[in-house]
Amino acid sequence: MLYILHGQDGFSLNQAVENIKAGLGEREMIATTTTSLDGRNLTLTELRNSCDTVPFLSSHRLVIVDGLLARFEPKQSRPRSGKRVTKS
């Protein structure tokens, strides 16, 4: 199963992740089968390896990728001088 959580409300995003974890079983067991990855620097190989790893003493594996969608957001334009342009 795949969940994509996106939004500006960090508290609600964290609550949604906690609800998913709660639905997977005992907290101690979920902690041993959960992997958190930084999506801003993640490679496809790292993601595949994490997803393909067999869960330890559980029927579930949880892989959390934080910040992956930020890689697909448009980058800020830069003038020729190399300085960033910020909008107010």
PDB file of N, CA and C in Angstrom:
ATOM      1  N   MET A   1       0.842  -1.163   0.000  1.00  0.00           N
ATOM      2  CA  MET A   1       0.000   0.000   0.000  1.00  0.00           C
ATOM      3  C   MET A   1       0.894   1.235   0.000  1.00  0.00           C
ATOM      4  N   LEU A   2       0.463   2.265  -0.667  1.00  0.00           N
ATOM      5  CA  LEU A   2       1.234   3.498  -0.790  1.00  0.00           C
ATOM      6  C   LEU A   2       0.386   4.672  -0.328  1.00  0.00           C
ATOM      7  N   TYR A   3       0.933   5.468   0.564  1.00  0.00           N
ATOM      8  CA  TYR A   3       0.295   6.704   1.010  1.00  0.00           C
ATOM      9  C   TYR A   3       1.187   7.863   0.608  1.00  0.00           C
ATOM     10  N   ILE A   4       0.587   8.927   0.102  1.00  0.00           N
ATOM     11  CA  ILE A   4       1.324  10.163  -0.158  1.00  0.00           C
ATOM     12  C   ILE A   4       0.674  11.239   0.690  1.00  0.00           C
ATOM     13  N   LEU A   5       1.426  11.758   1.639  1.00  0.00           N
ATOM     14  CA  LEU A   5       0.941  12.812   2.527  1.00  0.00           C
ATOM     15  C   LEU A   5       1.657  14.097   2.155  1.00  0.00           C
ATOM     16  N   HIS A   6       0.894  15.143   1.925  1.00  0.00           N
ATOM     17  CA  HIS A   6       1.486  16.402   1.476  1.00  0.00           C
ATOM     18  C   HIS A   6       0.687  17.552   2.069  1.00  0.00           C
ATOM     19  N   GLY A   7       1.374  18.608   2.467  1.00  0.00           N
ATOM     20  CA  GLY A   7       0.686  19.784   2.977  1.00  0.00           C
ATOM     21  C   GLY A   7       1.599  20.641   3.829  1.00  0.00           C
ATOM     22  N   GLN A   8       1.089  21.792   4.202  1.00  0.00           N
ATOM     23  CA  GLN A   8       1.852  22.751   4.997  1.00  0.00           C
ATOM     24  C   GLN A   8       1.729  22.505   6.497  1.00  0.00           C
ATOM     25  N   ASP A   9       0.711  21.763   6.922  1.00  0.00           N
ATOM     26  CA  ASP A   9       0.440  21.543   8.340  1.00  0.00           C
ATOM     27  C   ASP A   9       1.233  20.339   8.848  1.00  0.00           C
ATOM     28  N   GLY A  10       2.421  20.613   9.379  1.00  0.00           N
ATOM     29  CA  GLY A  10       3.300  19.558   9.861  1.00  0.00           C
ATOM     30  C   GLY A  10       2.686  18.716  10.962  1.00  0.00           C
ATOM     31  N   PHE A  11       1.914  19.342  11.833  1.00  0.00           N
ATOM     32  CA  PHE A  11       1.275  18.610  12.926  1.00  0.00           C
ATOM     33  C   PHE A  11       0.321  17.555  12.375  1.00  0.00           C
ATOM     34  N   SER A  12      -0.514  17.944  11.427  1.00  0.00           N
ATOM     35  CA  SER A  12      -1.474  17.000  10.842  1.00  0.00           C
ATOM     36  C   SER A  12      -0.773  15.892  10.065  1.00  0.00           C
ATOM     37  N   LEU A  13       0.318  16.233   9.396  1.00  0.00           N
ATOM     38  CA  LEU A  13       1.084  15.215   8.679  1.00  0.00           C
ATOM     39  C   LEU A  13       1.654  14.187   9.656  1.00  0.00           C
ATOM     40  N   ASN A  14       2.210  14.668  10.766  1.00  0.00           N
ATOM     41  CA  ASN A  14       2.751  13.761  11.787  1.00  0.00           C
ATOM     42  C   ASN A  14       1.659  12.892  12.393  1.00  0.00           C
ATOM     43  N   GLN A  15       0.481  13.474  12.615  1.00  0.00           N
ATOM     44  CA  GLN A  15      -0.647  12.711  13.153  1.00  0.00           C
ATOM     45  C   GLN A  15      -1.063  11.614  12.179  1.00  0.00           C
ATOM     46  N   ALA A  16      -1.077  11.922  10.895  1.00  0.00           N
ATOM     47  CA  ALA A  16      -1.447  10.927   9.886  1.00  0.00           C
ATOM     48  C   ALA A  16      -0.451   9.769   9.877  1.00  0.00           C
ATOM     49  N   VAL A  17       0.834  10.069   9.991  1.00  0.00           N
ATOM     50  CA  VAL A  17       1.860   9.018  10.048  1.00  0.00           C
ATOM     51  C   VAL A  17       1.663   8.171  11.301  1.00  0.00           C
ATOM     52  N   GLU A  18       1.384   8.806  12.424  1.00  0.00           N
ATOM     53  CA  GLU A  18       1.157   8.065  13.669  1.00  0.00           C
ATOM     54  C   GLU A  18      -0.066   7.163  13.551  1.00  0.00           C
ATOM     55  N   ASN A  19      -1.119   7.616  12.874  1.00  0.00           N
ATOM     56  CA  ASN A  19      -2.310   6.786  12.669  1.00  0.00           C
ATOM     57  C   ASN A  19      -1.992   5.570  11.804  1.00  0.00           C
ATOM     58  N   ILE A  20      -1.168   5.765  10.790  1.00  0.00           N
ATOM     59  CA  ILE A  20      -0.752   4.638   9.947  1.00  0.00           C
ATOM     60  C   ILE A  20       0.034   3.639  10.785  1.00  0.00           C
ATOM     61  N   LYS A  21       0.962   4.138  11.595  1.00  0.00           N
ATOM     62  CA  LYS A  21       1.757   3.257  12.460  1.00  0.00           C
ATOM     63  C   LYS A  21       0.862   2.485  13.422  1.00  0.00           C
ATOM     64  N   ALA A  22      -0.118   3.164  14.007  1.00  0.00           N
ATOM     65  CA  ALA A  22      -1.015   2.526  14.970  1.00  0.00           C
ATOM     66  C   ALA A  22      -1.807   1.392  14.317  1.00  0.00           C
ATOM     67  N   GLY A  23      -2.119   1.540  13.051  1.00  0.00           N
ATOM     68  CA  GLY A  23      -2.864   0.506  12.346  1.00  0.00           C
ATOM     69  C   GLY A  23      -2.030  -0.708  11.970  1.00  0.00           C
ATOM     70  N   LEU A  24      -0.728  -0.620  12.133  1.00  0.00           N
ATOM     71  CA  LEU A  24       0.156  -1.720  11.750  1.00  0.00           C
ATOM     72  C   LEU A  24       0.488  -2.671  12.894  1.00  0.00           C
ATOM     73  N   GLY A  25       0.131  -2.307  14.113  1.00  0.00           N
ATOM     74  CA  GLY A  25       0.395  -3.219  15.227  1.00  0.00           C
ATOM     75  C   GLY A  25       1.063  -2.531  16.397  1.00  0.00           C
ATOM     76  N   GLU A  26       1.748  -3.343  17.200  1.00  0.00           N
ATOM     77  CA  GLU A  26       2.392  -2.845  18.414  1.00  0.00           C
ATOM     78  C   GLU A  26       3.517  -1.869  18.080  1.00  0.00           C
ATOM     79  N   ARG A  27       3.582  -0.807  18.859  1.00  0.00           N
ATOM     80  CA  ARG A  27       4.561   0.259  18.620  1.00  0.00           C
ATOM     81  C   ARG A  27       6.004  -0.261  18.616  1.00  0.00           C
ATOM     82  N   GLU A  28       6.323  -1.180  19.517  1.00  0.00           N
ATOM     83  CA  GLU A  28       7.688  -1.702  19.596  1.00  0.00           C
ATOM     84  C   GLU A  28       8.065  -2.467  18.327  1.00  0.00           C
ATOM     85  N   MET A  29       7.122  -3.232  17.796  1.00  0.00           N
ATOM     86  CA  MET A  29       7.392  -4.004  16.581  1.00  0.00           C
ATOM     87  C   MET A  29       7.494  -3.090  15.366  1.00  0.00           C
ATOM     88  N   ILE A  30       6.670  -2.078  15.313  1.00  0.00           N
ATOM     89  CA  ILE A  30       6.700  -1.144  14.184  1.00  0.00           C
ATOM     90  C   ILE A  30       8.033  -0.398  14.169  1.00  0.00           C
ATOM     91  N   ALA A  31       8.556  -0.071  15.330  1.00  0.00           N
ATOM     92  CA  ALA A  31       9.833   0.652  15.402  1.00  0.00           C
ATOM     93  C   ALA A  31      10.963  -0.151  14.763  1.00  0.00           C
ATOM     94  N   THR A  32      10.913  -1.467  14.867  1.00  0.00           N
ATOM     95  CA  THR A  32      11.982  -2.289  14.289  1.00  0.00           C
ATOM     96  C   THR A  32      11.832  -2.491  12.789  1.00  0.00           C
ATOM     97  N   THR A  33      10.645  -2.225  12.258  1.00  0.00           N
ATOM     98  CA  THR A  33      10.414  -2.429  10.823  1.00  0.00           C
ATOM     99  C   THR A  33      10.137  -1.120  10.090  1.00  0.00           C
ATOM    100  N   THR A  34      10.511  -0.014  10.697  1.00  0.00           N
ATOM    101  CA  THR A  34      10.297   1.298  10.081  1.00  0.00           C
ATOM    102  C   THR A  34      11.634   1.900   9.669  1.00  0.00           C
ATOM    103  N   THR A  35      11.676   2.422   8.459  1.00  0.00           N
ATOM    104  CA  THR A  35      12.857   3.108   7.948  1.00  0.00           C
ATOM    105  C   THR A  35      12.434   4.504   7.525  1.00  0.00           C
ATOM    106  N   SER A  36      13.159   5.520   7.975  1.00  0.00           N
ATOM    107  CA  SER A  36      12.901   6.904   7.569  1.00  0.00           C
ATOM    108  C   SER A  36      14.036   7.373   6.672  1.00  0.00           C
ATOM    109  N   LEU A  37      13.676   7.952   5.531  1.00  0.00           N
ATOM    110  CA  LEU A  37      14.658   8.396   4.550  1.00  0.00           C
ATOM    111  C   LEU A  37      14.457   9.866   4.221  1.00  0.00           C
ATOM    112  N   ASP A  38      15.543  10.539   3.894  1.00  0.00           N
ATOM    113  CA  ASP A  38      15.495  11.939   3.475  1.00  0.00           C
ATOM    114  C   ASP A  38      15.314  11.977   1.961  1.00  0.00           C
ATOM    115  N   GLY A  39      14.130  12.341   1.518  1.00  0.00           N
ATOM    116  CA  GLY A  39      13.805  12.333   0.103  1.00  0.00           C
ATOM    117  C   GLY A  39      14.561  13.343  -0.728  1.00  0.00           C
ATOM    118  N   ARG A  40      15.111  14.371  -0.093  1.00  0.00           N
ATOM    119  CA  ARG A  40      15.840  15.396  -0.848  1.00  0.00           C
ATOM    120  C   ARG A  40      17.140  14.858  -1.425  1.00  0.00           C
ATOM    121  N   ASN A  41      17.713  13.820  -0.796  1.00  0.00           N
ATOM    122  CA  ASN A  41      18.988  13.258  -1.251  1.00  0.00           C
ATOM    123  C   ASN A  41      18.881  11.776  -1.597  1.00  0.00           C
ATOM    124  N   LEU A  42      17.688  11.265  -1.665  1.00  0.00           N
ATOM    125  CA  LEU A  42      17.453   9.839  -1.849  1.00  0.00           C
ATOM    126  C   LEU A  42      17.683   9.403  -3.298  1.00  0.00           C
ATOM    127  N   THR A  43      18.325   8.256  -3.458  1.00  0.00           N
ATOM    128  CA  THR A  43      18.477   7.677  -4.794  1.00  0.00           C
ATOM    129  C   THR A  43      17.436   6.570  -4.963  1.00  0.00           C
ATOM    130  N   LEU A  44      17.148   6.240  -6.204  1.00  0.00           N
ATOM    131  CA  LEU A  44      16.187   5.182  -6.483  1.00  0.00           C
ATOM    132  C   LEU A  44      16.662   3.846  -5.912  1.00  0.00           C
ATOM    133  N   THR A  45      17.945   3.593  -5.967  1.00  0.00           N
ATOM    134  CA  THR A  45      18.503   2.351  -5.424  1.00  0.00           C
ATOM    135  C   THR A  45      18.281   2.264  -3.917  1.00  0.00           C
ATOM    136  N   GLU A  46      18.520   3.360  -3.208  1.00  0.00           N
ATOM    137  CA  GLU A  46      18.299   3.371  -1.753  1.00  0.00           C
ATOM    138  C   GLU A  46      16.832   3.116  -1.428  1.00  0.00           C
ATOM    139  N   LEU A  47      15.941   3.739  -2.184  1.00  0.00           N
ATOM    140  CA  LEU A  47      14.509   3.542  -1.952  1.00  0.00           C
ATOM    141  C   LEU A  47      14.118   2.091  -2.216  1.00  0.00           C
ATOM    142  N   ARG A  48      14.566   1.544  -3.312  1.00  0.00           N
ATOM    143  CA  ARG A  48      14.261   0.138  -3.631  1.00  0.00           C
ATOM    144  C   ARG A  48      14.792  -0.801  -2.558  1.00  0.00           C
ATOM    145  N   ASN A  49      16.020  -0.580  -2.125  1.00  0.00           N
ATOM    146  CA  ASN A  49      16.608  -1.442  -1.095  1.00  0.00           C
ATOM    147  C   ASN A  49      15.799  -1.393   0.192  1.00  0.00           C
ATOM    148  N   SER A  50      15.359  -0.211   0.587  1.00  0.00           N
ATOM    149  CA  SER A  50      14.570  -0.079   1.814  1.00  0.00           C
ATOM    150  C   SER A  50      13.219  -0.767   1.679  1.00  0.00           C
ATOM    151  N   CYS A  51      12.595  -0.609   0.525  1.00  0.00           N
ATOM    152  CA  CYS A  51      11.278  -1.221   0.309  1.00  0.00           C
ATOM    153  C   CYS A  51      11.362  -2.736   0.153  1.00  0.00           C
ATOM    154  N   ASP A  52      12.459  -3.232  -0.385  1.00  0.00           N
ATOM    155  CA  ASP A  52      12.613  -4.669  -0.619  1.00  0.00           C
ATOM    156  C   ASP A  52      13.114  -5.435   0.597  1.00  0.00           C
ATOM    157  N   THR A  53      13.567  -4.732   1.626  1.00  0.00           N
ATOM    158  CA  THR A  53      14.056  -5.398   2.833  1.00  0.00           C
ATOM    159  C   THR A  53      12.900  -6.106   3.534  1.00  0.00           C
ATOM    160  N   VAL A  54      13.111  -7.355   3.888  1.00  0.00           N
ATOM    161  CA  VAL A  54      12.082  -8.144   4.558  1.00  0.00           C
ATOM    162  C   VAL A  54      11.892  -7.615   5.977  1.00  0.00           C
ATOM    163  N   PRO A  55      10.637  -7.440   6.420  1.00  0.00           N
ATOM    164  CA  PRO A  55      10.405  -6.950   7.786  1.00  0.00           C
ATOM    165  C   PRO A  55      10.881  -7.967   8.825  1.00  0.00           C
ATOM    166  N   PHE A  56      11.390  -7.459   9.924  1.00  0.00           N
ATOM    167  CA  PHE A  56      11.928  -8.292  10.994  1.00  0.00           C
ATOM    168  C   PHE A  56      10.812  -8.671  11.956  1.00  0.00           C
ATOM    169  N   LEU A  57      10.480  -9.963  12.024  1.00  0.00           N
ATOM    170  CA  LEU A  57       9.449 -10.499  12.927  1.00  0.00           C
ATOM    171  C   LEU A  57       8.101  -9.791  12.784  1.00  0.00           C
ATOM    172  N   SER A  58       7.742  -9.428  11.578  1.00  0.00           N
ATOM    173  CA  SER A  58       6.483  -8.736  11.333  1.00  0.00           C
ATOM    174  C   SER A  58       6.031  -9.023   9.904  1.00  0.00           C
ATOM    175  N   SER A  59       4.763  -8.798   9.654  1.00  0.00           N
ATOM    176  CA  SER A  59       4.251  -8.975   8.295  1.00  0.00           C
ATOM    177  C   SER A  59       4.222  -7.649   7.539  1.00  0.00           C
ATOM    178  N   HIS A  60       4.606  -6.568   8.217  1.00  0.00           N
ATOM    179  CA  HIS A  60       4.568  -5.236   7.612  1.00  0.00           C
ATOM    180  C   HIS A  60       5.936  -4.562   7.652  1.00  0.00           C
ATOM    181  N   ARG A  61       6.151  -3.696   6.696  1.00  0.00           N
ATOM    182  CA  ARG A  61       7.352  -2.849   6.672  1.00  0.00           C
ATOM    183  C   ARG A  61       6.887  -1.442   6.337  1.00  0.00           C
ATOM    184  N   LEU A  62       7.379  -0.462   7.068  1.00  0.00           N
ATOM    185  CA  LEU A  62       7.004   0.934   6.850  1.00  0.00           C
ATOM    186  C   LEU A  62       8.239   1.714   6.429  1.00  0.00           C
ATOM    187  N   VAL A  63       8.159   2.335   5.257  1.00  0.00           N
ATOM    188  CA  VAL A  63       9.239   3.180   4.755  1.00  0.00           C
ATOM    189  C   VAL A  63       8.678   4.586   4.628  1.00  0.00           C
ATOM    190  N   ILE A  64       9.258   5.521   5.367  1.00  0.00           N
ATOM    191  CA  ILE A  64       8.817   6.915   5.358  1.00  0.00           C
ATOM    192  C   ILE A  64       9.862   7.729   4.615  1.00  0.00           C
ATOM    193  N   VAL A  65       9.427   8.418   3.572  1.00  0.00           N
ATOM    194  CA  VAL A  65      10.329   9.264   2.791  1.00  0.00           C
ATOM    195  C   VAL A  65       9.877  10.701   3.004  1.00  0.00           C
ATOM    196  N   ASP A  66      10.696  11.470   3.686  1.00  0.00           N
ATOM    197  CA  ASP A  66      10.361  12.855   4.011  1.00  0.00           C
ATOM    198  C   ASP A  66      11.017  13.803   3.008  1.00  0.00           C
ATOM    199  N   GLY A  67      10.233  14.716   2.453  1.00  0.00           N
ATOM    200  CA  GLY A  67      10.779  15.746   1.580  1.00  0.00           C
ATOM    201  C   GLY A  67      10.955  15.345   0.125  1.00  0.00           C
ATOM    202  N   LEU A  68      10.437  14.205  -0.285  1.00  0.00           N
ATOM    203  CA  LEU A  68      10.624  13.755  -1.667  1.00  0.00           C
ATOM    204  C   LEU A  68       9.928  14.675  -2.665  1.00  0.00           C
ATOM    205  N   LEU A  69       8.722  15.104  -2.356  1.00  0.00           N
ATOM    206  CA  LEU A  69       7.977  15.936  -3.306  1.00  0.00           C
ATOM    207  C   LEU A  69       8.618  17.301  -3.512  1.00  0.00           C
ATOM    208  N   ALA A  70       9.437  17.746  -2.560  1.00  0.00           N
ATOM    209  CA  ALA A  70      10.123  19.035  -2.707  1.00  0.00           C
ATOM    210  C   ALA A  70      11.089  19.013  -3.888  1.00  0.00           C
ATOM    211  N   ARG A  71      11.557  17.841  -4.268  1.00  0.00           N
ATOM    212  CA  ARG A  71      12.464  17.729  -5.416  1.00  0.00           C
ATOM    213  C   ARG A  71      11.773  18.089  -6.723  1.00  0.00           C
ATOM    214  N   PHE A  72      10.453  18.006  -6.744  1.00  0.00           N
ATOM    215  CA  PHE A  72       9.704  18.242  -7.970  1.00  0.00           C
ATOM    216  C   PHE A  72       9.083  19.629  -8.033  1.00  0.00           C
ATOM    217  N   GLU A  73       9.269  20.430  -6.994  1.00  0.00           N
ATOM    218  CA  GLU A  73       8.757  21.797  -6.994  1.00  0.00           C
ATOM    219  C   GLU A  73       9.656  22.672  -7.856  1.00  0.00           C
ATOM    220  N   PRO A  74       9.080  23.686  -8.517  1.00  0.00           N
ATOM    221  CA  PRO A  74       9.913  24.560  -9.359  1.00  0.00           C
ATOM    222  C   PRO A  74      10.967  25.277  -8.523  1.00  0.00           C
ATOM    223  N   LYS A  75      12.145  25.378  -9.078  1.00  0.00           N
ATOM    224  CA  LYS A  75      13.228  26.084  -8.392  1.00  0.00           C
ATOM    225  C   LYS A  75      13.059  27.583  -8.603  1.00  0.00           C
ATOM    226  N   GLN A  76      13.581  28.370  -7.650  1.00  0.00           N
ATOM    227  CA  GLN A  76      13.518  29.827  -7.775  1.00  0.00           C
ATOM    228  C   GLN A  76      14.412  30.272  -8.916  1.00  0.00           C
ATOM    229  N   SER A  77      13.958  31.289  -9.634  1.00  0.00           N
ATOM    230  CA  SER A  77      14.787  31.796 -10.734  1.00  0.00           C
ATOM    231  C   SER A  77      15.949  32.604 -10.172  1.00  0.00           C
ATOM    232  N   ARG A  78      17.053  32.569 -10.892  1.00  0.00           N
ATOM    233  CA  ARG A  78      18.247  33.299 -10.461  1.00  0.00           C
ATOM    234  C   ARG A  78      18.683  34.232 -11.579  1.00  0.00           C
ATOM    235  N   PRO A  79      19.047  35.467 -11.240  1.00  0.00           N
ATOM    236  CA  PRO A  79      19.577  36.367 -12.262  1.00  0.00           C
ATOM    237  C   PRO A  79      20.981  35.933 -12.670  1.00  0.00           C
ATOM    238  N   ARG A  80      21.511  36.516 -13.705  1.00  0.00           N
ATOM    239  CA  ARG A  80      22.826  36.127 -14.216  1.00  0.00           C
ATOM    240  C   ARG A  80      23.941  36.322 -13.206  1.00  0.00           C
ATOM    241  N   SER A  81      23.775  37.219 -12.255  1.00  0.00           N
ATOM    242  CA  SER A  81      24.824  37.453 -11.262  1.00  0.00           C
ATOM    243  C   SER A  81      24.957  36.285 -10.293  1.00  0.00           C
ATOM    244  N   GLY A  82      23.986  35.376 -10.310  1.00  0.00           N
ATOM    245  CA  GLY A  82      24.043  34.229  -9.415  1.00  0.00           C
ATOM    246  C   GLY A  82      23.330  34.464  -8.101  1.00  0.00           C
ATOM    247  N   LYS A  83      22.796  35.659  -7.904  1.00  0.00           N
ATOM    248  CA  LYS A  83      22.072  35.944  -6.674  1.00  0.00           C
ATOM    249  C   LYS A  83      20.633  35.468  -6.833  1.00  0.00           C
ATOM    250  N   ARG A  84      20.060  35.009  -5.730  1.00  0.00           N
ATOM    251  CA  ARG A  84      18.679  34.547  -5.759  1.00  0.00           C
ATOM    252  C   ARG A  84      17.716  35.721  -5.820  1.00  0.00           C
ATOM    253  N   VAL A  85      16.635  35.501  -6.523  1.00  0.00           N
ATOM    254  CA  VAL A  85      15.556  36.479  -6.572  1.00  0.00           C
ATOM    255  C   VAL A  85      14.474  35.985  -5.634  1.00  0.00           C
ATOM    256  N   THR A  86      14.099  36.800  -4.673  1.00  0.00           N
ATOM    257  CA  THR A  86      13.030  36.430  -3.764  1.00  0.00           C
ATOM    258  C   THR A  86      11.863  37.359  -3.970  1.00  0.00           C
ATOM    259  N   LYS A  87      10.685  36.792  -3.864  1.00  0.00           N
ATOM    260  CA  LYS A  87       9.471  37.585  -4.028  1.00  0.00           C
ATOM    261  C   LYS A  87       8.928  37.930  -2.664  1.00  0.00           C
ATOM    262  N   SER A  88       8.504  39.169  -2.487  1.00  0.00           N
ATOM    263  CA  SER A  88       7.956  39.600  -1.199  1.00  0.00           C
ATOM    264  C   SER A  88       6.456  39.634  -1.251  1.00  0.00           C
TER     265      SER A  88
END
